[in-house]
Protein backbone atom coordinates (compact mmCIF):
# COMPACT_ATOMS: atom_id res chain seq x y z
CA MET A 1 -36.54 26.41 7.26
CA LYS A 2 -38.67 24.39 9.68
CA PHE A 3 -40.07 20.95 9.04
CA ASP A 4 -42.70 20.77 11.76
CA GLU A 5 -44.63 18.11 9.88
CA PHE A 6 -41.79 15.62 10.44
CA GLU A 7 -41.74 13.99 13.84
CA ASP A 8 -38.44 14.22 15.73
CA LEU A 9 -37.49 10.61 16.25
CA SER A 10 -34.84 9.38 18.67
CA SER A 11 -32.19 6.79 17.88
CA LYS A 12 -34.05 4.35 20.08
CA VAL A 13 -37.22 4.66 17.96
CA TRP A 14 -35.20 4.22 14.74
CA LYS A 15 -33.56 1.08 16.11
CA GLN A 16 -36.94 -0.35 17.13
CA ARG A 17 -38.26 0.26 13.62
CA ILE A 18 -35.22 -1.46 12.10
CA GLN A 19 -35.59 -4.37 14.50
CA PHE A 20 -39.22 -4.70 13.40
CA GLU A 21 -38.21 -4.77 9.70
CA LEU A 22 -35.68 -7.55 10.46
CA ASN A 23 -38.58 -9.91 11.35
CA GLY A 24 -36.87 -11.24 14.44
CA ASP A 25 -33.30 -11.42 13.04
CA ASP A 26 -30.58 -10.09 15.33
CA PHE A 27 -29.70 -6.42 14.81
CA ASN A 28 -26.00 -6.71 15.67
CA SER A 29 -25.18 -9.89 13.73
CA ASN A 30 -27.03 -8.73 10.59
CA LEU A 31 -26.35 -5.02 10.38
CA VAL A 32 -23.27 -4.18 12.49
CA TRP A 33 -20.04 -4.46 10.48
CA LYS A 34 -16.95 -5.71 12.33
CA SER A 35 -14.03 -3.80 10.82
CA LEU A 36 -10.38 -4.90 10.93
CA GLU A 37 -9.70 -1.71 12.95
CA GLY A 38 -11.74 -3.08 15.84
CA VAL A 39 -14.38 -0.39 15.36
CA ASP A 40 -17.93 -1.71 14.99
CA VAL A 41 -19.88 0.18 12.32
CA LYS A 42 -23.62 0.61 12.88
CA PRO A 43 -26.16 0.98 10.06
CA PHE A 44 -27.12 4.50 11.21
CA TYR A 45 -25.96 7.28 13.54
CA HIS A 46 -28.10 9.86 15.30
CA TYR A 47 -27.41 13.22 16.95
CA ASP A 48 -28.58 11.98 20.37
CA SER A 49 -25.95 9.25 20.46
CA GLY A 50 -23.50 11.60 22.18
CA ILE A 51 -20.77 10.94 19.58
CA ALA A 52 -20.13 14.49 18.41
CA THR A 53 -17.07 15.71 20.37
CA HIS A 54 -14.46 18.22 19.29
CA PRO A 55 -14.74 18.47 15.49
CA ILE A 56 -11.47 19.24 13.75
CA LYS A 57 -11.87 22.63 12.05
CA HIS A 58 -10.24 23.00 8.66
CA GLN A 59 -10.66 25.15 5.58
CA SER A 60 -10.72 22.71 2.71
CA ASP A 61 -9.16 25.12 0.21
CA ALA A 62 -5.98 25.10 2.34
CA TRP A 63 -4.76 21.93 0.63
CA LYS A 64 -2.27 22.27 -2.21
CA ILE A 65 -1.83 20.04 -5.25
CA GLY A 66 1.65 18.62 -4.79
CA GLU A 67 3.97 16.87 -7.22
CA GLN A 68 6.91 14.65 -6.34
CA VAL A 69 10.28 15.00 -8.06
CA TYR A 70 13.18 12.66 -7.43
CA VAL A 71 16.42 14.62 -7.74
CA GLN A 72 19.25 12.88 -9.51
CA ASN A 73 20.46 16.07 -11.15
CA ALA A 74 19.65 19.54 -9.81
CA LYS A 75 19.22 21.22 -13.22
CA SER A 76 16.94 18.55 -14.79
CA ALA A 77 14.86 18.30 -11.56
CA ASN A 78 14.46 22.09 -11.56
CA ILE A 79 13.20 22.04 -15.15
CA LEU A 80 10.72 19.25 -14.35
CA ALA A 81 9.48 21.05 -11.22
CA LYS A 82 8.82 24.27 -13.12
CA GLU A 83 6.98 22.30 -15.83
CA CYS A 84 4.78 20.79 -13.14
CA LEU A 85 4.04 24.19 -11.64
CA ASN A 86 3.13 25.58 -15.08
CA LYS A 87 0.67 22.68 -15.61
CA GLY A 88 -1.27 23.10 -12.35
CA ALA A 89 0.83 21.85 -9.49
CA GLU A 90 0.88 24.22 -6.51
CA SER A 91 3.64 22.59 -4.46
CA ILE A 92 6.80 20.59 -5.21
CA TYR A 93 8.06 17.71 -3.10
CA PHE A 94 11.76 17.10 -3.88
CA ILE A 95 13.38 13.82 -2.79
CA LEU A 96 17.10 14.35 -2.28
CA PRO A 97 19.14 11.13 -2.13
CA LYS A 98 22.50 12.87 -1.45
CA SER A 99 23.81 16.01 0.20
CA SER A 100 25.96 17.08 -2.75
CA ILE A 101 22.95 18.33 -4.76
CA ASP A 102 23.23 22.07 -5.50
CA ILE A 103 20.18 23.62 -3.82
CA GLN A 104 20.67 26.99 -5.56
CA LYS A 105 20.34 25.29 -8.97
CA LEU A 106 17.46 23.10 -7.72
CA LEU A 107 15.38 26.10 -6.64
CA ASP A 108 16.38 28.45 -9.43
CA GLY A 109 13.30 30.36 -10.58
CA ILE A 110 11.09 28.82 -7.87
CA ASP A 111 9.96 31.47 -5.39
CA VAL A 112 9.79 29.79 -1.99
CA SER A 113 8.01 32.81 -0.55
CA THR A 114 4.92 32.01 -2.62
CA ILE A 115 5.31 28.34 -3.60
CA ARG A 116 5.29 25.57 -1.01
CA VAL A 117 8.47 23.48 -1.50
CA TYR A 118 9.50 20.37 0.45
CA LEU A 119 13.00 18.96 0.58
CA ASP A 120 12.86 15.34 1.73
CA LEU A 121 16.40 14.49 2.84
CA GLN A 122 17.51 10.85 2.53
CA PHE A 123 20.74 11.67 4.33
CA LEU A 124 21.89 13.39 7.50
CA ASP A 125 24.82 15.69 6.77
CA PRO A 126 25.46 18.75 8.98
CA LYS A 127 27.31 20.40 6.08
CA PHE A 128 23.97 20.60 4.23
CA THR A 129 22.90 23.46 6.48
CA THR A 130 25.50 25.70 4.76
CA GLN A 131 23.52 25.45 1.50
CA ILE A 132 20.21 26.33 3.24
CA LYS A 133 21.80 29.32 5.03
CA ALA A 134 23.11 30.58 1.66
CA LEU A 135 19.51 30.90 0.40
CA ASN A 136 18.91 33.74 2.91
CA ILE A 137 15.39 32.53 3.62
CA ASN A 138 13.11 34.91 5.53
CA GLN A 139 10.49 33.93 8.09
CA ASN A 140 7.69 34.13 5.50
CA SER A 141 9.13 31.41 3.30
CA LYS A 142 7.20 28.28 2.43
CA LEU A 143 10.26 26.00 2.40
CA PHE A 144 9.95 22.79 4.44
CA ILE A 145 12.84 20.49 5.31
CA LEU A 146 11.96 16.86 6.02
CA SER A 147 14.47 14.88 8.06
CA ASP A 148 13.71 11.78 10.16
CA CYS A 149 16.61 9.72 11.52
CA ILE A 150 14.21 7.49 13.53
CA GLY A 151 12.15 6.80 10.41
CA HIS A 152 15.36 5.89 8.61
CA LEU A 153 16.16 3.42 11.37
CA ALA A 154 12.66 1.89 11.15
CA LYS A 155 12.83 1.47 7.36
CA SER A 156 16.46 0.41 6.91
CA GLY A 157 17.26 -1.20 10.25
CA ASN A 158 20.25 1.09 10.71
CA TRP A 159 20.97 4.66 11.80
CA HIS A 160 22.62 6.95 9.25
CA LYS A 161 25.70 6.59 11.54
CA ASN A 162 24.71 5.90 15.13
CA LEU A 163 22.22 7.08 17.78
CA VAL A 164 24.43 9.78 19.31
CA SER A 165 25.65 11.14 15.94
CA ASP A 166 22.18 11.11 14.32
CA LYS A 167 20.61 12.89 17.27
CA LYS A 168 23.34 15.52 17.38
CA ASN A 169 23.07 16.16 13.63
CA THR A 170 19.30 16.44 13.81
CA ILE A 171 19.61 19.02 16.61
CA ASP A 172 22.12 20.92 14.45
CA TYR A 173 19.61 20.88 11.56
CA CYS A 174 16.90 22.30 13.83
CA ASN A 175 19.06 25.05 15.27
CA ALA A 176 20.84 26.05 12.04
CA MET A 177 18.06 26.10 9.43
CA THR A 178 16.40 29.37 10.37
CA GLY A 179 13.57 30.57 8.19
CA VAL A 180 12.39 27.13 7.08
CA LYS A 181 8.91 25.96 8.15
CA SER A 182 10.03 22.59 9.48
CA VAL A 183 12.99 20.33 9.94
CA ILE A 184 11.57 17.09 11.33
CA SER A 185 9.09 14.79 9.63
CA ILE A 186 7.32 11.54 10.51
CA ASP A 187 6.85 8.95 7.73
CA MET A 188 3.55 7.52 8.88
CA ALA A 189 2.96 6.34 5.28
CA HIS A 190 5.53 3.61 5.65
CA TYR A 191 3.58 2.00 8.50
CA GLN A 192 0.46 1.88 6.36
CA ASN A 193 2.28 0.47 3.34
CA ALA A 194 3.79 -2.20 5.59
CA GLY A 195 0.30 -3.33 6.69
CA ALA A 196 -0.25 -1.50 9.99
CA SER A 197 -3.79 -0.89 11.11
CA MET A 198 -5.07 2.68 11.30
CA VAL A 199 -4.89 2.60 15.08
CA GLN A 200 -1.28 1.42 14.85
CA GLN A 201 -0.44 4.07 12.29
CA LEU A 202 -1.78 6.82 14.52
CA ALA A 203 -0.26 5.51 17.74
CA TYR A 204 3.14 4.74 16.19
CA ALA A 205 3.26 8.14 14.45
CA LEU A 206 2.44 9.86 17.75
CA ALA A 207 5.04 7.84 19.67
CA HIS A 208 7.56 8.35 16.86
CA ALA A 209 7.05 12.14 17.02
CA HIS A 210 7.13 12.03 20.80
CA GLU A 211 10.72 10.82 20.67
CA TYR A 212 11.61 14.25 19.21
CA ILE A 213 9.37 16.58 21.14
CA VAL A 214 10.35 15.25 24.60
CA ASP A 215 13.73 16.87 23.86
CA ASN A 216 12.17 19.99 22.39
CA GLU A 217 14.34 22.31 24.44
CA ARG A 218 17.15 21.39 22.08
CA PHE A 219 15.05 20.52 19.08
CA ASN A 220 13.83 23.85 17.75
CA ILE A 221 10.56 22.73 16.10
CA SER A 222 7.67 24.90 14.90
CA ASN A 223 5.98 22.40 12.55
CA MET A 224 5.83 18.61 12.66
CA ILE A 225 5.35 17.09 9.22
CA PHE A 226 3.35 13.89 8.99
CA LYS A 227 3.52 12.03 5.68
CA VAL A 228 0.40 9.87 5.50
CA ALA A 229 -0.63 7.09 3.10
CA ILE A 230 -4.38 6.95 2.40
CA GLY A 231 -5.98 3.57 1.75
CA GLY A 232 -9.28 2.60 0.15
CA ASN A 233 -11.52 2.63 3.21
CA TYR A 234 -13.04 5.97 2.28
CA PHE A 235 -14.77 7.20 5.49
CA PHE A 236 -12.25 5.56 7.84
CA GLU A 237 -9.39 7.34 6.08
CA ILE A 238 -11.10 10.73 6.49
CA ALA A 239 -11.51 9.93 10.16
CA LYS A 240 -7.84 8.82 10.42
CA LEU A 241 -6.60 12.18 9.29
CA GLN A 242 -8.94 14.04 11.65
CA ALA A 243 -7.96 11.72 14.49
CA LEU A 244 -4.28 12.54 13.80
CA ARG A 245 -4.93 16.27 14.20
CA TRP A 246 -7.03 15.66 17.30
CA LEU A 247 -4.36 13.50 18.92
CA TRP A 248 -1.58 15.95 18.07
CA GLN A 249 -3.58 18.85 19.47
CA THR A 250 -4.16 16.84 22.66
CA LEU A 251 -0.45 16.09 22.99
CA MET A 252 0.53 19.71 22.42
CA GLU A 253 -1.97 20.89 25.08
CA GLU A 254 -0.46 18.36 27.52
CA TYR A 255 3.04 19.79 26.85
CA GLY A 256 1.91 23.40 26.65
CA LYS A 257 3.54 23.73 23.25
CA ASN A 258 2.48 25.17 19.90
CA ILE A 259 4.05 22.85 17.37
CA LYS A 260 1.75 22.74 14.35
CA CYS A 261 0.61 19.52 12.66
CA HIS A 262 1.30 19.67 8.92
CA ILE A 263 -0.03 16.73 6.85
CA ILE A 264 1.20 15.55 3.44
CA SER A 265 -1.11 12.85 2.06
CA GLU A 266 -0.56 10.40 -0.78
CA PRO A 267 -2.41 7.27 -1.97
CA SER A 268 -1.34 3.99 -0.44
CA LYS A 269 0.73 1.57 -2.53
CA ARG A 270 -0.48 -1.42 -0.54
CA ASN A 271 -3.73 -1.87 -2.49
CA LYS A 272 -2.36 -0.98 -5.95
CA THR A 273 -1.89 -3.58 -8.67
CA ILE A 274 0.09 -4.14 -11.84
CA TYR A 275 -2.69 -6.12 -13.50
CA ASP A 276 -5.77 -4.16 -14.58
CA TYR A 277 -3.69 -1.10 -13.70
CA ASN A 278 -6.29 1.44 -14.88
CA ILE A 279 -8.28 0.55 -11.73
CA ASN A 280 -5.45 2.22 -9.80
CA MET A 281 -6.88 5.56 -11.02
CA LEU A 282 -10.23 4.80 -9.43
CA ARG A 283 -8.54 3.71 -6.20
CA SER A 284 -6.35 6.80 -6.01
CA THR A 285 -9.31 9.11 -6.82
CA THR A 286 -11.28 8.03 -3.73
CA GLU A 287 -8.06 8.14 -1.68
CA VAL A 288 -7.22 11.72 -2.61
CA MET A 289 -10.87 12.62 -1.92
CA SER A 290 -10.42 11.23 1.62
CA ALA A 291 -7.20 13.24 1.90
CA ALA A 292 -8.97 16.48 0.91
CA LEU A 293 -11.99 15.97 3.17
CA GLY A 294 -9.84 14.81 6.08
CA GLY A 295 -7.84 18.02 6.24
CA SER A 296 -4.52 17.50 4.45
CA ASN A 297 -2.18 20.45 3.83
CA THR A 298 -0.69 19.00 0.64
CA ILE A 299 -1.86 16.09 -1.48
CA ILE A 300 0.49 14.22 -3.81
CA ASN A 301 -1.21 11.77 -6.13
CA LEU A 302 0.30 8.44 -7.27
CA PRO A 303 0.46 7.83 -11.05
CA TYR A 304 -1.57 4.76 -12.06
CA ASP A 305 1.55 3.10 -13.49
CA ALA A 306 4.06 4.12 -10.79
CA LEU A 307 4.60 0.50 -9.71
CA TYR A 308 5.97 -0.79 -12.99
CA HIS A 309 6.80 2.20 -15.27
CA LYS A 310 9.58 4.69 -14.96
CA ASP A 311 8.59 8.32 -14.44
CA ASN A 312 6.70 9.55 -17.52
CA ASP A 313 4.72 12.60 -18.62
CA PHE A 314 1.49 10.72 -19.32
CA GLY A 315 1.30 9.17 -15.85
CA ARG A 316 2.13 12.51 -14.25
CA ARG A 317 -0.48 14.35 -16.29
CA LEU A 318 -3.29 11.95 -15.37
CA SER A 319 -2.45 11.97 -11.66
CA ARG A 320 -2.21 15.75 -11.61
CA ASN A 321 -5.51 16.12 -13.46
CA GLN A 322 -7.27 13.95 -10.90
CA LEU A 323 -6.42 16.54 -8.27
CA LEU A 324 -7.16 19.52 -10.55
CA ILE A 325 -10.65 18.10 -11.25
CA LEU A 326 -11.38 17.52 -7.56
CA LYS A 327 -10.21 20.97 -6.56
CA HIS A 328 -11.52 23.17 -9.35
CA GLU A 329 -14.37 21.26 -11.06
CA SER A 330 -15.78 19.19 -8.18
CA LYS A 331 -15.43 22.23 -5.91
CA PHE A 332 -13.64 20.34 -3.11
CA SER A 333 -11.94 23.63 -2.27
CA GLU A 334 -15.07 25.63 -1.50
CA VAL A 335 -16.42 24.11 1.69
CA ASN A 336 -15.39 24.87 5.27
CA ASN A 337 -15.26 21.90 7.62
CA PRO A 338 -16.95 19.54 5.15
CA THR A 339 -17.31 16.63 7.58
CA GLU A 340 -18.57 18.57 10.60
CA GLY A 341 -21.95 17.24 11.73
CA THR A 342 -21.44 13.95 9.94
CA TYR A 343 -22.17 11.72 12.90
CA TYR A 344 -20.65 8.65 11.26
CA ILE A 345 -17.31 10.26 10.58
CA GLU A 346 -17.28 11.97 13.97
CA HIS A 347 -17.93 8.59 15.57
CA LEU A 348 -15.06 6.96 13.60
CA THR A 349 -12.75 9.86 14.48
CA LYS A 350 -13.49 9.53 18.15
CA LYS A 351 -13.06 5.73 18.21
CA LEU A 352 -9.81 5.73 16.23
CA ALA A 353 -8.42 8.53 18.39
CA GLU A 354 -9.39 6.82 21.64
CA LYS A 355 -7.87 3.43 20.58
CA ALA A 356 -4.72 5.11 19.25
CA LEU A 357 -4.29 7.19 22.43
CA LYS A 358 -4.56 4.07 24.57
CA LEU A 359 -1.93 2.28 22.45
CA PHE A 360 0.31 5.36 22.58
CA LYS A 361 0.15 5.41 26.36
CA ASP A 362 0.97 1.67 26.46
CA ILE A 363 4.01 2.32 24.28
CA GLU A 364 5.23 5.07 26.58
CA LYS A 365 4.75 2.88 29.64
CA GLU A 366 6.95 0.25 27.98
CA GLY A 367 9.78 2.70 27.42
CA GLY A 368 8.79 4.55 24.27
CA PHE A 369 8.83 3.98 20.53
CA LEU A 370 12.60 3.57 20.16
CA GLU A 371 12.77 0.93 22.86
CA LEU A 372 9.93 -1.10 21.32
CA LEU A 373 11.49 -0.70 17.88
CA LYS A 374 14.84 -2.01 19.16
CA SER A 375 13.13 -4.98 20.85
CA GLY A 376 11.21 -5.86 17.68
CA ILE A 377 7.76 -5.39 19.21
CA ILE A 378 6.68 -2.70 16.74
CA GLN A 379 7.74 -4.83 13.81
CA ARG A 380 5.95 -7.92 15.17
CA LYS A 381 2.71 -6.04 15.77
CA ILE A 382 2.68 -4.59 12.28
CA LYS A 383 3.41 -8.02 10.75
CA GLU A 384 0.57 -9.57 12.74
CA HIS A 385 -1.96 -7.06 11.41
CA ALA A 386 -0.54 -7.29 7.89
CA GLN A 387 -0.98 -11.07 8.05
CA LYS A 388 -4.57 -10.68 9.25
CA GLU A 389 -5.23 -8.29 6.36
CA GLN A 390 -3.52 -10.68 3.92
CA GLU A 391 -5.65 -13.64 5.10
CA SER A 392 -8.79 -11.56 4.68
CA PHE A 393 -7.62 -10.77 1.14
CA ASN A 394 -6.77 -14.40 0.36
CA VAL A 395 -10.23 -15.67 1.33
CA LYS A 396 -11.83 -12.78 -0.65
CA GLU A 397 -13.37 -10.97 2.31
CA GLN A 398 -11.42 -8.00 0.90
CA GLU A 399 -11.39 -7.90 -2.89
CA LEU A 400 -9.43 -6.06 -5.51
CA VAL A 401 -10.97 -5.56 -8.94
CA GLY A 402 -8.79 -7.11 -11.60
CA ILE A 403 -7.19 -9.49 -9.08
CA HIS A 404 -10.09 -11.29 -7.41
CA VAL A 405 -13.05 -10.18 -9.44
CA GLN A 406 -13.48 -9.22 -13.10
CA GLN A 407 -10.02 -10.57 -13.87
CA ASN A 408 -8.81 -10.26 -17.43
CA ARG A 409 -7.02 -13.62 -17.80
CA ASP A 410 -5.66 -12.65 -21.24
CA GLU A 411 -3.77 -9.62 -19.86
CA LYS A 412 0.01 -9.90 -20.13
CA MET A 413 2.29 -7.67 -18.08
CA LYS A 414 5.73 -9.27 -18.12
CA SER A 415 6.91 -7.23 -21.13
CA GLN A 416 5.69 -3.95 -19.61
CA LEU A 417 7.71 -4.08 -16.39
CA GLU A 418 10.27 -1.28 -16.47
CA LEU A 419 10.52 -1.38 -12.66
CA TYR A 420 10.56 -4.34 -10.29
CA PRO A 421 7.15 -4.09 -8.56
CA PHE A 422 7.69 -6.49 -5.66
CA LEU A 423 9.45 -6.46 -2.30
CA LYS A 424 13.18 -6.54 -2.96
CA HIS A 425 15.32 -8.90 -0.94
CA ASN A 426 18.71 -7.35 -0.26
CA PRO A 427 20.40 -9.26 2.61
CA ARG A 428 22.56 -6.94 4.71
CA LYS A 429 23.68 -6.52 8.27
CA THR A 430 21.27 -4.38 10.31
CA LEU A 431 21.07 -3.14 13.87
CA LEU A 432 17.45 -4.21 14.10
CA GLU A 433 14.76 -5.77 11.94
CA PRO A 434 13.53 -3.19 9.37
CA ILE A 435 9.83 -2.52 8.76
CA LEU A 436 9.22 -3.58 5.15
CA ALA A 437 6.50 -2.28 2.88
CA ARG A 438 4.66 -4.86 0.80
CA ARG A 439 1.59 -4.75 -1.47
CA ILE A 440 -1.25 -7.09 -0.65
CA ALA A 441 -1.54 -8.53 -4.20
CA GLU A 442 2.14 -9.36 -4.68
CA SER A 443 2.00 -13.13 -4.32
CA LEU A 444 -0.93 -13.53 -6.75
CA GLU A 445 0.75 -11.22 -9.26
CA GLN A 446 4.01 -13.18 -9.11
CA LYS A 447 2.14 -16.40 -9.88
CA ARG A 448 0.40 -14.81 -12.84
CA LEU A 449 3.70 -13.47 -14.18
CA ASP A 450 5.29 -16.90 -13.82
CA ASN A 451 2.44 -18.44 -15.81
CA GLU A 452 2.58 -15.94 -18.73
């Protein structure tokens, strides 16, 4: 179709027209939004702006509906996982707190050659490889192992044992677990939940992963798993995921390697609330939409009541249905490269990637991620941005429905708390200062609970 009757206007002409409509008011101060990410957002984007670069190609139906299962007992976790699969889940994400869990029982009746299964290991035990070998997994399996000793150090402040031992055990994991799709993962979600900016999340995740790939001759890696938390800034979060793939592709080209970027996305906990908790469903809906459009491999939704209720069927069903509706009713699985040609998102992708790449290079010049983590610089930078975000929230520049606006003052939550929803203080001796995740509404919620 041709629209010859419409004049082809340049961005310059559009801006002149907007300036005319402003009646002398300044274009930049009135219409350009200054984001916390340091990326200025214009009121319009045009194809002649030269912003379209290397769009990240992805087939949107590649993403799977994932469901998280915490494994306390192998048999009960297996039963729950199979129930989830029967009700629409396409992938299972097991969290394993200890190495003594029987993997044969855990995966009984779950065909890892057709069903994508993740085993997130909260330990580092070389004996665990014996159980994986016993599965006799072939190269076509869809079993992913997630292990991250550096992430454990960042979150807890301690190695599992020590640097030398953890590195050796991780290498043993990589070399011994043949047939699995991955062994090493990067918990980028923790940086977001602790208050890091998107640029920091991208740069720290890249520098974090770089600590492993620089020793790739000994680390046998074919896939790098990035676990990403998606916040409420809809278009920025789409761009963040695309920037991650772009940055990873750039790094792999620099090293001449073919380690694939595999993304598991989940909604952020940082903006979730215990008051007016039903709003959490609206928040997580836009967040999983960003995850789908941004090019995730697997999306795991967060139940609306996950902060304060124990695991329950109702919360699971609602969170699963959100993904089922998006994928099968809203047709989010039927479009190739859904954001390609969207000048705004391409602009955001480019800006976030450029800023993150610069920060990544600065980190490497200073000695790398581990060195900056040991010196406390990473922790300080995250806390500085988290404080900036908190101050913006406190003065209501950023608002949360049910907390700042449309607050139901008669709502009582103290009797409903089955879980402690705030940052836990557990004084212990650590090698370095841990990076702590904290929700942005915690202080206001604690005051309300005290006044009930």
